[in-house]
Amino acid sequence: MASSGYSTGRFFVREEDRIRVTQLLVVLLVVASSHVVFALDSIRARLGILAVLVCLHATSQAVLMRAHHHPFAHAHLQVSGHQP
């Protein structure tokens, strides 16, 4: 349960033979939890961007490999008498 008043620089106070939390502890927990949420969101965003880049790279490599091994890729060279 929270304390009834403001206690400078304390996280816990003793009131009526009970230990209670102060507003300072509540604010600390809110700020710390928001930092954790933004840090996790930042990591997830970075991993998402990395996954997109890896996917784009793999797709471009697959396209290049298909173009290189396509039966008609070197047809213009074979017609002119050159071998690839």
Protein backbone atom coordinates (compact mmCIF):
# COMPACT_ATOMS: atom_id res chain seq x y z
CA MET A 1 0.00 0.00 0.00
CA ALA A 2 1.25 3.51 -0.77
CA SER A 3 2.15 6.05 1.88
CA SER A 4 -0.19 8.93 2.66
CA GLY A 5 2.39 11.70 2.32
CA TYR A 6 5.56 12.66 0.48
CA SER A 7 8.86 11.47 1.96
CA THR A 8 11.95 13.07 0.46
CA GLY A 9 14.42 10.60 -1.00
CA ARG A 10 12.90 7.41 0.39
CA PHE A 11 11.42 4.40 -1.36
CA PHE A 12 9.79 2.94 1.76
CA VAL A 13 8.45 4.52 4.97
CA ARG A 14 7.05 3.10 8.17
CA GLU A 15 3.54 4.36 8.94
CA GLU A 16 1.31 2.93 11.64
CA ASP A 17 3.72 0.01 12.17
CA ARG A 18 3.51 -0.94 8.48
CA ILE A 19 6.07 -0.50 5.75
CA ARG A 20 4.64 1.40 2.80
CA VAL A 21 6.02 2.43 -0.58
CA THR A 22 6.42 6.08 -1.50
CA GLN A 23 5.60 7.94 -4.70
CA LEU A 24 9.31 7.99 -5.50
CA LEU A 25 9.37 4.19 -5.82
CA VAL A 26 6.24 4.22 -7.99
CA VAL A 27 7.78 6.81 -10.32
CA LEU A 28 11.03 4.87 -10.46
CA LEU A 29 9.20 1.69 -11.43
CA VAL A 30 7.19 3.46 -14.14
CA VAL A 31 10.29 5.07 -15.67
CA ALA A 32 12.31 1.85 -15.50
CA SER A 33 9.54 -0.21 -17.05
CA SER A 34 9.14 2.28 -19.89
CA HIS A 35 12.88 2.02 -20.58
CA VAL A 36 12.62 -1.76 -20.72
CA VAL A 37 9.62 -1.61 -23.07
CA PHE A 38 11.37 0.80 -25.45
CA ALA A 39 14.57 -1.27 -25.35
CA LEU A 40 12.70 -4.45 -26.25
CA ASP A 41 10.80 -2.66 -28.99
CA SER A 42 14.07 -1.30 -30.36
CA ILE A 43 15.63 -4.76 -30.44
CA ARG A 44 12.58 -6.18 -32.18
CA ALA A 45 12.66 -3.38 -34.76
CA ARG A 46 16.36 -3.95 -35.44
CA LEU A 47 15.81 -7.68 -35.84
CA GLY A 48 12.89 -6.99 -38.17
CA ILE A 49 15.02 -4.74 -40.36
CA LEU A 50 17.81 -7.32 -40.35
CA ALA A 51 15.36 -10.07 -41.38
CA VAL A 52 14.10 -7.94 -44.27
CA LEU A 53 17.65 -7.26 -45.44
CA VAL A 54 18.58 -10.94 -45.26
CA CYS A 55 15.42 -11.87 -47.15
CA LEU A 56 16.11 -9.28 -49.85
CA HIS A 57 19.69 -10.47 -50.21
CA ALA A 58 18.62 -14.12 -50.49
CA THR A 59 15.94 -13.22 -53.03
CA SER A 60 18.35 -11.23 -55.17
CA GLN A 61 20.87 -14.08 -55.06
CA ALA A 62 18.19 -16.58 -56.11
CA VAL A 63 17.14 -14.35 -59.01
CA LEU A 64 20.74 -13.97 -60.17
CA MET A 65 21.35 -17.72 -59.94
CA ARG A 66 18.21 -18.46 -61.97
CA ALA A 67 19.18 -15.92 -64.59
CA HIS A 68 22.68 -17.38 -64.83
CA HIS A 69 21.47 -20.98 -65.22
CA HIS A 70 18.46 -20.25 -67.40
CA PRO A 71 18.63 -22.12 -70.74
CA PHE A 72 18.02 -18.94 -72.73
CA ALA A 73 20.42 -16.77 -70.73
CA HIS A 74 23.28 -17.38 -73.17
CA ALA A 75 21.19 -17.91 -76.33
CA HIS A 76 22.51 -14.72 -77.89
CA LEU A 77 26.07 -15.96 -77.45
CA GLN A 78 25.36 -19.40 -78.89
CA VAL A 79 23.67 -17.94 -81.95
CA SER A 80 26.72 -15.84 -82.77
CA GLY A 81 29.04 -18.84 -82.45
CA HIS A 82 30.56 -18.08 -79.05
CA GLN A 83 30.43 -20.59 -76.24
CA PRO A 84 29.65 -19.35 -72.72
